[in-house]
Amino acid sequence: MADFILEMHDIKKHFPGVQALKGVDFNVHQGEIHALVGQNGAGKSTLLKILAGIYIPEQGSIKVNGTELTKWNPQKIMDMGISFIYQELNLIQSMTVTQNLFIGSESRNALGLTDWKKMRARAKDALARIGVMDIDVNVPIRDLTVAKQQLVAIARALAQNPKLLVLDEPTSRLGFEDSEKLFEILKRMQRENISIIYVSHRLSEIYRIADRVTVLRDGKCIITDQTKAISAHELVKYMVGKDVQKNKFAQVKDHRNLLLQSTHLQGRANNVDLSIYGGEVLGLVGTVGAGKTEFVRMLFGIESLSGGTIEVNGKKLKKITPTEAIANGMALCPEDRKYHGLLLDNSIQSNITLAGLRNFTTSRFFTSVQKERDIVIKLVHRLHIATPSIEKHTRELSGGNQQKVVLAKWLCTTSKIFIFDEPTVGVDVQGKTEIYNLMHELADNGAGVLFVTSDVEEGLQVCDRIAVMYKGSILTELDPLKTSIEEVSMFAMGGHPDENR
């Protein structure tokens, strides 16, 4: 068997206006975990989609187990033992967990009909293999949280018994415990001589599990080396092309202008009291599954309330709807940007102007096309959205650039309360810094910002105040200048930092 399970040489790919890959070399040893890193738009996804048979390269060669590929497609790649877990999960929302796990490989009975009893048993076994016992295999995927959808995608890939597994940001939606389970699974697979390509923006994960790392930047391979041979500072510099400073934001703000207050809010969150002031970034921190997303969906009127009140600028909104939320100056950047934040088959321009169309009207029925275009171009430059044209479909953008389009959409409005639900998931180091700066820029201009994150360190770095949520309730509020990662983490897990003393 060849030492390399995968060899990609001189891969080039061009899209209209963009040279996505400029002669990339990339290889994976048998039985190794190889991290593939780089900023959003560096070419990682394009390279992997070429391997998957989704894109065809204009130049270059690919060998799998020493055999050069001439014509290949997704099915052939799957048959060769290569499985993919994309950042965009590609699960069919209307189908059940069982159907998604075994689509195309259904169990049949003697009459050739689908054997649902056997299928459900297989589904439970596939989930149990990754330590998941609390997902109902009969429910539609759309009824699961994003984190549980991620676990289903992982189980589906492992059920194919791959020789090479490709994971794109697999922990972006997972909490600490589920991430730990995943790392254990990957290490076990490695001991079974399975190779893994691991794409992540989380440096701690790269150093924890990867044997080698390859850095892509602007469609070129910058370096491939043993992970332990490159420091974290050097790795970021290779990715960005320059030093990136880790800002610590000033966290002493004068909270006088109360913009939003929830009182005894009930629903899928429990009795939540929370206040958002103009001029501050308030962090809502908790593990995945703590109820953070459910709470902000209640605030925005997406999920109904069973009790409690919401006040915006002193006005009580008992039966809030998304339309009423927007009319009262609220903006929501949702956790799942693909399904809840964007019209993927629409252009960047139409997505950005969607929530603020009234700002471009010249009369009752018409909009100023030139004004609309000028503002969109300014926002694309301001947020560094990598695109050759504002007419490009958002589906064609990288995950990080899609997130920036969602942010730009709300900057076209007169919103004064901004809710960011996990906005940095799948975003590179520099992109995260840009989002942090944007949140504080909004706060400095008088807006109130609610920053929802599962990353405790990120919350401490960025926020002026932190509210910690556990099982749908806020346990405490903390001052980032007077607390620690350990204290916040203890509360986030439902404990108290003093109880073990």
Protein backbone atom coordinates (compact mmCIF):
# COMPACT_ATOMS: atom_id res chain seq x y z
CA MET A 1 0.00 0.00 0.00
CA ALA A 2 1.29 3.47 -0.87
CA ASP A 3 2.65 5.66 1.91
CA PHE A 4 0.35 8.40 0.65
CA ILE A 5 -3.35 7.64 0.58
CA LEU A 6 -3.89 10.93 -1.24
CA GLU A 7 -1.66 12.99 -3.55
CA MET A 8 -2.87 16.20 -5.20
CA HIS A 9 -0.34 17.93 -7.46
CA ASP A 10 -0.38 21.34 -9.18
CA ILE A 11 -4.14 21.80 -8.79
CA LYS A 12 -5.51 24.90 -10.52
CA LYS A 13 -9.09 26.15 -10.58
CA HIS A 14 -10.56 29.35 -11.96
CA PHE A 15 -13.98 30.90 -11.39
CA PRO A 16 -15.25 34.05 -13.13
CA GLY A 17 -13.10 36.87 -11.78
CA VAL A 18 -11.24 34.66 -9.30
CA GLN A 19 -8.23 32.32 -9.55
CA ALA A 20 -9.26 30.11 -6.64
CA LEU A 21 -6.30 27.67 -6.76
CA LYS A 22 -2.91 28.52 -8.23
CA GLY A 23 -1.07 25.21 -8.49
CA VAL A 24 -1.65 23.62 -5.08
CA ASP A 25 0.24 20.53 -3.89
CA PHE A 26 -1.33 18.58 -1.03
CA ASN A 27 -0.86 15.04 0.25
CA VAL A 28 -1.99 12.84 3.14
CA HIS A 29 -0.06 9.95 4.67
CA GLN A 30 -1.76 6.66 5.47
CA GLY A 31 -3.11 6.85 9.01
CA GLU A 32 -2.33 10.50 9.72
CA ILE A 33 -4.47 13.45 10.78
CA HIS A 34 -3.57 16.31 8.46
CA ALA A 35 -4.89 19.81 9.23
CA LEU A 36 -5.75 22.05 6.29
CA VAL A 37 -5.94 25.69 7.38
CA GLY A 38 -6.22 29.17 5.93
CA GLN A 39 -8.44 32.21 5.90
CA ASN A 40 -11.93 32.15 4.41
CA GLY A 41 -11.47 32.31 0.66
CA ALA A 42 -7.95 30.82 0.78
CA GLY A 43 -9.04 27.88 -1.40
CA LYS A 44 -9.62 25.12 1.16
CA SER A 45 -13.22 24.40 0.19
CA THR A 46 -12.42 24.54 -3.53
CA LEU A 47 -9.59 22.03 -3.10
CA LEU A 48 -11.82 19.64 -1.17
CA LYS A 49 -14.70 19.99 -3.63
CA ILE A 50 -12.29 19.05 -6.43
CA LEU A 51 -11.33 15.95 -4.46
CA ALA A 52 -15.03 15.19 -3.94
CA GLY A 53 -15.75 15.39 -7.67
CA ILE A 54 -17.98 18.45 -7.33
CA TYR A 55 -15.56 20.71 -9.22
CA ILE A 56 -13.26 19.72 -12.09
CA PRO A 57 -9.74 21.22 -12.00
CA GLU A 58 -8.30 22.93 -15.06
CA GLN A 59 -4.88 21.49 -14.32
CA GLY A 60 -3.23 19.02 -12.00
CA SER A 61 -3.38 15.37 -10.98
CA ILE A 62 -4.88 13.37 -8.11
CA LYS A 63 -3.84 9.93 -6.88
CA VAL A 64 -5.73 7.83 -4.34
CA ASN A 65 -3.75 4.89 -2.95
CA GLY A 66 -1.27 5.32 -5.80
CA THR A 67 -3.95 5.16 -8.53
CA GLU A 68 -4.31 8.30 -10.62
CA LEU A 69 -7.85 9.53 -11.11
CA THR A 70 -8.90 10.37 -14.65
CA LYS A 71 -12.66 10.80 -14.45
CA TRP A 72 -14.36 10.92 -11.10
CA ASN A 73 -17.58 12.04 -9.48
CA PRO A 74 -18.96 12.11 -5.92
CA GLN A 75 -20.23 8.53 -6.11
CA LYS A 76 -16.90 7.18 -7.38
CA ILE A 77 -15.02 9.03 -4.65
CA MET A 78 -17.38 7.57 -2.04
CA ASP A 79 -16.85 4.10 -3.50
CA MET A 80 -13.09 4.61 -3.13
CA GLY A 81 -13.57 5.07 0.63
CA ILE A 82 -13.46 8.86 0.95
CA SER A 83 -16.20 10.46 3.07
CA PHE A 84 -16.89 14.15 3.65
CA ILE A 85 -18.48 16.16 6.43
CA TYR A 86 -18.94 19.68 5.12
CA GLN A 87 -19.37 22.81 7.20
CA GLU A 88 -22.71 23.20 5.44
CA LEU A 89 -24.08 19.85 6.54
CA ASN A 90 -26.04 18.98 3.37
CA LEU A 91 -28.72 17.17 5.33
CA ILE A 92 -32.25 17.01 3.92
CA GLN A 93 -34.31 18.99 6.40
CA SER A 94 -37.66 17.33 5.65
CA MET A 95 -36.31 13.77 5.99
CA THR A 96 -35.91 11.88 9.26
CA VAL A 97 -32.61 11.15 10.98
CA THR A 98 -32.81 7.54 9.77
CA GLN A 99 -33.43 8.57 6.16
CA ASN A 100 -30.53 11.03 6.21
CA LEU A 101 -28.14 8.49 7.68
CA PHE A 102 -28.70 5.88 4.97
CA ILE A 103 -29.98 7.72 1.92
CA GLY A 104 -28.92 5.64 -1.07
CA SER A 105 -28.08 2.60 1.08
CA GLU A 106 -31.48 1.65 2.49
CA SER A 107 -32.09 -1.81 3.95
CA ARG A 108 -34.53 -3.92 1.91
CA ASN A 109 -36.72 -6.88 2.82
CA ALA A 110 -37.37 -9.97 0.70
CA LEU A 111 -39.91 -8.06 -1.39
CA GLY A 112 -37.47 -5.26 -2.15
CA LEU A 113 -39.29 -2.79 0.11
CA THR A 114 -37.56 -0.57 2.64
CA ASP A 115 -37.11 -2.43 5.94
CA TRP A 116 -37.79 0.44 8.32
CA LYS A 117 -37.34 -1.64 11.48
CA LYS A 118 -33.85 -2.66 10.40
CA MET A 119 -33.10 0.89 9.22
CA ARG A 120 -34.03 2.38 12.59
CA ALA A 121 -31.87 -0.18 14.39
CA ARG A 122 -28.95 0.69 12.07
CA ALA A 123 -29.51 4.38 12.74
CA LYS A 124 -29.38 3.87 16.51
CA ASP A 125 -26.19 1.82 16.15
CA ALA A 126 -24.58 4.52 13.97
CA LEU A 127 -25.32 7.20 16.55
CA ALA A 128 -24.23 4.97 19.43
CA ARG A 129 -20.88 4.53 17.69
CA ILE A 130 -20.16 8.21 18.38
CA GLY A 131 -21.66 8.07 21.87
CA VAL A 132 -25.00 9.72 21.02
CA MET A 133 -28.03 8.15 22.66
CA ASP A 134 -30.47 11.06 22.96
CA ILE A 135 -31.46 11.66 19.32
CA ASP A 136 -34.80 10.28 18.15
CA VAL A 137 -34.08 8.60 14.81
CA ASN A 138 -37.71 9.09 13.71
CA VAL A 139 -37.83 12.91 13.81
CA PRO A 140 -37.18 15.18 10.80
CA ILE A 141 -33.74 16.78 10.74
CA ARG A 142 -35.31 20.26 10.89
CA ASP A 143 -36.59 19.48 14.41
CA LEU A 144 -33.05 19.01 15.75
CA THR A 145 -30.74 21.70 17.05
CA VAL A 146 -27.85 22.64 14.79
CA ALA A 147 -25.47 20.84 17.17
CA LYS A 148 -27.42 17.59 16.93
CA GLN A 149 -27.59 17.92 13.15
CA GLN A 150 -23.80 18.08 13.18
CA LEU A 151 -23.66 14.82 15.15
CA VAL A 152 -25.98 13.16 12.62
CA ALA A 153 -23.66 14.26 9.79
CA ILE A 154 -20.67 12.79 11.62
CA ALA A 155 -22.49 9.51 12.24
CA ARG A 156 -23.49 9.32 8.57
CA ALA A 157 -19.90 9.71 7.40
CA LEU A 158 -18.55 7.11 9.83
CA ALA A 159 -21.28 4.64 8.84
CA GLN A 160 -19.66 4.49 5.40
CA ASN A 161 -16.47 3.01 6.99
CA PRO A 162 -14.16 5.43 5.19
CA LYS A 163 -10.44 5.02 4.49
CA LEU A 164 -10.07 8.80 4.31
CA LEU A 165 -12.39 11.12 6.22
CA VAL A 166 -12.57 14.84 5.41
CA LEU A 167 -14.01 17.10 8.12
CA ASP A 168 -14.70 20.80 7.55
CA GLU A 169 -15.08 22.69 10.86
CA PRO A 170 -16.64 19.66 12.62
CA THR A 171 -16.70 21.20 16.11
CA SER A 172 -18.09 24.59 15.08
CA ARG A 173 -21.53 23.66 16.41
CA LEU A 174 -20.50 21.23 19.13
CA GLY A 175 -20.18 21.83 22.84
CA PHE A 176 -17.19 20.80 24.93
CA GLU A 177 -18.38 17.27 25.74
CA ASP A 178 -19.41 16.45 22.17
CA SER A 179 -16.11 17.87 20.86
CA GLU A 180 -14.20 15.66 23.28
CA LYS A 181 -16.17 12.63 22.03
CA LEU A 182 -15.30 13.55 18.45
CA PHE A 183 -11.58 13.81 19.22
CA GLU A 184 -11.67 10.38 20.85
CA ILE A 185 -13.41 8.95 17.78
CA LEU A 186 -10.84 10.50 15.42
CA LYS A 187 -7.92 9.17 17.44
CA ARG A 188 -9.52 5.71 17.45
CA MET A 189 -9.96 5.91 13.69
CA GLN A 190 -6.33 6.90 13.31
CA ARG A 191 -5.26 3.85 15.32
CA GLU A 192 -7.29 1.82 12.80
CA ASN A 193 -5.08 3.33 10.05
CA ILE A 194 -7.81 5.64 8.75
CA SER A 195 -6.54 8.95 7.38
CA ILE A 196 -8.19 12.26 8.24
CA ILE A 197 -8.15 15.72 6.68
CA TYR A 198 -9.16 18.18 9.37
CA VAL A 199 -10.19 21.75 8.48
CA SER A 200 -10.53 24.16 11.40
CA HIS A 201 -9.96 27.78 12.43
CA ARG A 202 -9.49 26.71 16.06
CA LEU A 203 -5.76 26.57 16.66
CA SER A 204 -6.08 24.61 19.91
CA GLU A 205 -7.74 21.74 18.02
CA ILE A 206 -5.06 21.71 15.33
CA TYR A 207 -2.29 21.41 17.88
CA ARG A 208 -4.20 18.82 19.84
CA ILE A 209 -4.92 16.27 17.11
CA ALA A 210 -3.04 17.04 13.86
CA ASP A 211 0.24 15.35 12.90
CA ARG A 212 0.91 17.71 10.00
CA VAL A 213 -0.54 21.01 8.86
CA THR A 214 -0.82 22.65 5.44
CA VAL A 215 -1.51 26.39 5.12
CA LEU A 216 -3.28 27.81 2.07
CA ARG A 217 -3.35 31.54 1.34
CA ASP A 218 -4.79 33.25 -1.75
CA GLY A 219 -5.04 29.92 -3.58
CA LYS A 220 -1.42 28.92 -2.94
CA CYS A 221 0.20 26.37 -0.63
CA ILE A 222 2.33 28.42 1.77
CA ILE A 223 3.80 25.63 3.92
CA THR A 224 3.36 21.99 4.91
CA ASP A 225 5.17 20.81 8.02
CA GLN A 226 4.86 18.85 11.24
CA THR A 227 2.39 20.67 13.46
CA LYS A 228 4.75 20.69 16.43
CA ALA A 229 7.40 22.39 14.30
CA ILE A 230 5.30 25.55 13.82
CA SER A 231 4.32 27.85 16.67
CA ALA A 232 0.78 29.20 16.90
CA HIS A 233 2.06 32.71 16.19
CA GLU A 234 3.89 31.52 13.07
CA LEU A 235 0.85 29.55 11.90
CA VAL A 236 -1.42 32.61 12.08
CA LYS A 237 1.21 34.68 10.26
CA TYR A 238 1.39 32.08 7.47
CA MET A 239 -2.41 32.14 7.19
CA VAL A 240 -2.85 35.91 7.16
CA GLY A 241 0.44 37.02 5.62
CA LYS A 242 1.15 39.40 8.50
CA ASP A 243 1.04 39.61 12.27
CA VAL A 244 -2.47 39.76 13.74
CA GLN A 245 -2.83 41.47 17.07
CA LYS A 246 -5.25 39.97 19.58
CA ASN A 247 -7.17 42.98 20.84
CA LYS A 248 -8.47 43.22 24.38
CA PHE A 249 -11.44 45.55 24.23
CA ALA A 250 -12.06 48.19 26.88
CA GLN A 251 -14.77 46.91 29.18
CA VAL A 252 -15.66 49.89 31.33
CA LYS A 253 -18.86 51.36 29.86
CA ASP A 254 -21.47 53.76 31.23
CA HIS A 255 -24.78 51.82 31.13
CA ARG A 256 -27.52 54.45 31.20
CA ASN A 257 -29.57 53.97 28.03
CA LEU A 258 -31.70 50.85 28.51
CA LEU A 259 -32.69 49.59 25.06
CA LEU A 260 -34.15 46.15 25.74
CA GLN A 261 -35.31 44.29 28.81
CA SER A 262 -36.78 40.81 29.10
CA THR A 263 -38.66 40.03 32.31
CA HIS A 264 -39.49 36.48 33.46
CA LEU A 265 -39.41 35.33 29.83
CA GLN A 266 -40.87 31.85 29.43
CA GLY A 267 -40.92 29.46 26.49
CA ARG A 268 -38.12 27.15 25.49
CA ALA A 269 -36.06 29.30 27.84
CA ASN A 270 -36.95 29.53 31.53
CA ASN A 271 -37.80 32.73 33.41
CA VAL A 272 -35.08 34.82 31.77
CA ASP A 273 -34.36 38.38 32.94
CA LEU A 274 -31.89 40.24 30.75
CA SER A 275 -31.13 43.91 30.05
CA ILE A 276 -29.27 45.33 27.04
CA TYR A 277 -27.92 48.87 27.22
CA GLY A 278 -26.85 51.19 24.47
CA GLY A 279 -23.09 51.46 24.15
CA GLU A 280 -22.24 47.96 25.37
CA VAL A 281 -21.47 44.48 24.07
CA LEU A 282 -23.25 42.02 26.35
CA GLY A 283 -22.09 38.42 26.14
CA LEU A 284 -24.56 35.54 26.49
CA VAL A 285 -22.30 32.58 27.22
CA GLY A 286 -23.16 28.92 27.68
CA THR A 287 -22.47 25.46 26.33
CA VAL A 288 -24.14 24.19 23.17
CA GLY A 289 -27.69 23.23 24.16
CA ALA A 290 -27.88 25.72 27.03
CA GLY A 291 -30.87 27.46 25.43
CA LYS A 292 -29.09 30.55 24.08
CA THR A 293 -30.44 30.28 20.54
CA GLU A 294 -33.95 29.48 21.77
CA PHE A 295 -33.84 32.60 23.95
CA VAL A 296 -32.78 34.97 21.16
CA ARG A 297 -35.41 33.46 18.84
CA MET A 298 -37.97 34.32 21.51
CA LEU A 299 -36.62 37.86 21.75
CA PHE A 300 -36.98 38.26 17.99
CA GLY A 301 -40.47 36.77 17.83
CA ILE A 302 -39.52 33.61 15.92
CA GLU A 303 -40.56 31.39 18.82
CA SER A 304 -43.68 32.13 20.86
CA LEU A 305 -43.67 33.14 24.51
CA SER A 306 -45.64 31.32 27.18
CA GLY A 307 -45.00 34.04 29.74
CA GLY A 308 -43.06 37.18 30.54
CA THR A 309 -42.59 40.47 28.74
CA ILE A 310 -40.15 42.17 26.39
CA GLU A 311 -39.64 45.93 26.51
CA VAL A 312 -37.87 47.81 23.71
CA ASN A 313 -37.12 51.47 24.41
CA GLY A 314 -39.65 51.35 27.24
CA LYS A 315 -42.42 49.92 25.06
CA LYS A 316 -43.89 46.54 26.08
CA LEU A 317 -44.13 44.01 23.26
CA LYS A 318 -46.32 41.18 24.55
CA LYS A 319 -46.87 39.34 21.26
CA ILE A 320 -43.69 40.13 19.36
CA THR A 321 -43.18 39.00 15.76
CA PRO A 322 -40.08 39.29 13.58
CA THR A 323 -41.74 42.12 11.62
CA GLU A 324 -42.47 43.99 14.85
CA ALA A 325 -38.96 43.30 16.13
CA ILE A 326 -37.41 44.84 13.00
CA ALA A 327 -39.81 47.79 13.16
CA ASN A 328 -38.64 48.41 16.73
CA GLY A 329 -34.99 48.52 15.72
CA MET A 330 -33.92 44.93 16.39
CA ALA A 331 -31.58 42.93 14.15
CA LEU A 332 -30.75 39.21 14.36
CA CYS A 333 -27.74 37.49 12.81
CA PRO A 334 -28.86 33.87 13.31
CA GLU A 335 -26.74 30.88 14.24
CA ASP A 336 -27.64 29.00 11.06
CA ARG A 337 -26.84 31.57 8.39
CA LYS A 338 -27.45 29.13 5.55
CA TYR A 339 -31.11 28.37 6.27
CA HIS A 340 -32.17 31.32 8.43
CA GLY A 341 -30.02 34.28 7.41
CA LEU A 342 -29.62 34.20 3.62
CA LEU A 343 -31.37 33.66 0.32
CA LEU A 344 -28.61 31.50 -1.12
CA ASP A 345 -29.76 31.68 -4.74
CA ASN A 346 -30.02 35.48 -4.64
CA SER A 347 -27.20 37.90 -5.28
CA ILE A 348 -25.02 39.49 -2.62
CA GLN A 349 -26.69 42.82 -3.40
CA SER A 350 -30.26 41.59 -2.96
CA ASN A 351 -29.35 39.83 0.31
CA ILE A 352 -27.67 42.90 1.78
CA THR A 353 -30.53 45.28 0.94
CA LEU A 354 -33.36 42.89 1.82
CA ALA A 355 -34.03 44.09 5.38
CA GLY A 356 -33.63 47.80 4.59
CA LEU A 357 -35.36 48.23 1.23
CA ARG A 358 -37.43 51.16 2.51
CA ASN A 359 -34.18 53.13 2.88
CA PHE A 360 -33.68 53.02 -0.89
CA THR A 361 -37.15 54.04 -2.02
CA THR A 362 -37.54 57.18 -4.14
CA SER A 363 -41.35 56.99 -4.17
CA ARG A 364 -44.07 54.70 -2.97
CA PHE A 365 -43.30 51.95 -5.49
CA PHE A 366 -39.73 52.46 -6.72
CA THR A 367 -36.21 52.10 -5.33
CA SER A 368 -33.07 53.97 -6.29
CA VAL A 369 -30.96 51.31 -7.99
CA GLN A 370 -27.85 53.49 -7.96
CA LYS A 371 -28.18 54.36 -4.26
CA GLU A 372 -28.71 50.69 -3.45
CA ARG A 373 -25.66 49.66 -5.47
CA ASP A 374 -23.42 52.36 -3.98
CA ILE A 375 -24.26 51.37 -0.40
CA VAL A 376 -23.76 47.66 -1.10
CA ILE A 377 -20.33 48.31 -2.64
CA LYS A 378 -19.32 50.37 0.40
CA LEU A 379 -20.42 47.59 2.77
CA VAL A 380 -18.60 44.93 0.73
CA HIS A 381 -15.40 46.95 1.05
CA ARG A 382 -16.01 47.81 4.72
CA LEU A 383 -16.50 44.17 5.73
CA HIS A 384 -13.87 42.82 3.31
CA ILE A 385 -16.32 40.47 1.59
CA ALA A 386 -14.25 38.50 -0.92
CA THR A 387 -16.19 38.57 -4.20
CA PRO A 388 -15.53 39.66 -7.79
CA SER A 389 -19.07 41.04 -8.09
CA ILE A 390 -22.01 42.03 -5.91
CA GLU A 391 -24.18 40.10 -8.39
CA LYS A 392 -22.57 36.79 -7.33
CA HIS A 393 -24.95 34.35 -5.62
CA THR A 394 -24.32 34.03 -1.89
CA ARG A 395 -24.31 30.24 -2.27
CA GLU A 396 -20.96 30.58 -4.06
CA LEU A 397 -19.27 32.39 -1.15
CA SER A 398 -17.22 30.78 1.61
CA GLY A 399 -18.90 30.38 4.99
CA GLY A 400 -17.07 33.36 6.48
CA ASN A 401 -18.03 35.64 3.61
CA GLN A 402 -21.65 34.46 3.85
CA GLN A 403 -21.58 35.53 7.50
CA LYS A 404 -20.35 38.98 6.50
CA VAL A 405 -23.25 39.32 4.05
CA VAL A 406 -25.67 38.63 6.94
CA LEU A 407 -23.96 41.34 8.98
CA ALA A 408 -24.04 43.79 6.06
CA LYS A 409 -27.79 43.20 5.67
CA TRP A 410 -28.49 44.69 9.08
CA LEU A 411 -26.08 47.57 8.59
CA CYS A 412 -28.48 48.75 5.87
CA THR A 413 -31.18 49.28 8.49
CA THR A 414 -31.70 51.75 11.32
CA SER A 415 -31.37 49.01 13.94
CA LYS A 416 -30.16 49.93 17.42
CA ILE A 417 -30.25 46.45 19.02
CA PHE A 418 -28.03 43.86 17.36
CA ILE A 419 -28.21 40.17 18.30
CA PHE A 420 -25.25 38.13 17.03
CA ASP A 421 -25.81 34.38 17.54
CA GLU A 422 -22.47 32.54 17.19
CA PRO A 423 -21.28 34.95 14.45
CA THR A 424 -17.68 33.69 14.40
CA VAL A 425 -18.44 30.00 13.71
CA GLY A 426 -16.39 28.94 10.68
CA VAL A 427 -14.73 32.37 10.43
CA ASP A 428 -10.95 32.74 10.18
CA VAL A 429 -8.68 34.59 12.62
CA GLN A 430 -8.71 37.91 10.82
CA GLY A 431 -12.44 37.66 10.06
CA LYS A 432 -13.17 37.17 13.77
CA THR A 433 -11.21 40.30 14.62
CA GLU A 434 -13.21 42.24 12.03
CA ILE A 435 -16.49 41.02 13.57
CA TYR A 436 -15.32 41.94 17.09
CA ASN A 437 -14.34 45.40 15.87
CA LEU A 438 -17.70 45.82 14.13
CA MET A 439 -19.64 44.91 17.28
CA HIS A 440 -17.72 47.49 19.31
CA GLU A 441 -18.06 50.07 16.55
CA LEU A 442 -21.84 49.61 16.72
CA ALA A 443 -21.75 49.90 20.52
CA ASP A 444 -19.57 53.03 20.36
CA ASN A 445 -22.25 54.58 18.12
CA GLY A 446 -24.92 53.96 20.75
CA ALA A 447 -26.26 50.54 19.75
CA GLY A 448 -26.78 47.66 22.16
CA VAL A 449 -25.10 44.41 21.10
CA LEU A 450 -25.95 40.93 22.39
CA PHE A 451 -23.11 38.56 21.49
CA VAL A 452 -24.09 34.88 21.88
CA THR A 453 -21.15 32.49 22.05
CA SER A 454 -20.19 29.04 23.32
CA ASP A 455 -16.52 30.08 23.46
CA VAL A 456 -15.81 31.31 26.98
CA GLU A 457 -12.41 32.76 26.08
CA GLU A 458 -13.97 34.69 23.19
CA GLY A 459 -16.66 36.08 25.48
CA LEU A 460 -14.10 37.27 28.02
CA GLN A 461 -12.00 38.91 25.33
CA VAL A 462 -14.80 40.78 23.60
CA CYS A 463 -17.65 41.57 26.01
CA ASP A 464 -18.32 44.36 28.52
CA ARG A 465 -20.62 42.14 30.62
CA ILE A 466 -21.26 38.40 30.56
CA ALA A 467 -24.50 36.57 31.35
CA VAL A 468 -24.04 32.81 31.78
CA MET A 469 -26.88 30.53 30.67
CA TYR A 470 -27.47 26.93 31.76
CA LYS A 471 -30.46 24.78 30.80
CA GLY A 472 -32.47 27.74 29.55
CA SER A 473 -31.87 29.99 32.58
CA ILE A 474 -29.35 32.71 33.33
CA LEU A 475 -27.39 31.64 36.40
CA THR A 476 -25.33 34.79 36.90
CA GLU A 477 -23.84 37.93 35.39
CA LEU A 478 -20.10 38.48 35.57
CA ASP A 479 -17.60 41.27 34.95
CA PRO A 480 -14.99 40.07 32.41
CA LEU A 481 -12.35 42.14 34.20
CA LYS A 482 -13.02 40.38 37.50
CA THR A 483 -13.65 36.78 36.49
CA SER A 484 -11.75 33.93 34.80
CA ILE A 485 -12.22 31.21 32.20
CA GLU A 486 -12.49 28.68 35.02
CA GLU A 487 -15.24 30.56 36.85
CA VAL A 488 -17.33 31.20 33.73
CA SER A 489 -16.89 27.57 32.60
CA MET A 490 -18.00 26.27 35.98
CA PHE A 491 -21.21 28.30 35.86
CA ALA A 492 -21.77 27.26 32.22
CA MET A 493 -21.71 23.63 33.33
CA GLY A 494 -24.30 24.31 36.05
CA GLY A 495 -21.91 24.43 38.97
CA HIS A 496 -20.44 27.12 41.19
CA PRO A 497 -16.72 27.85 41.42
CA ASP A 498 -16.79 27.77 45.23
CA GLU A 499 -18.43 24.38 45.63
CA ASN A 500 -15.22 22.35 45.25
CA ARG A 501 -13.22 24.38 47.75
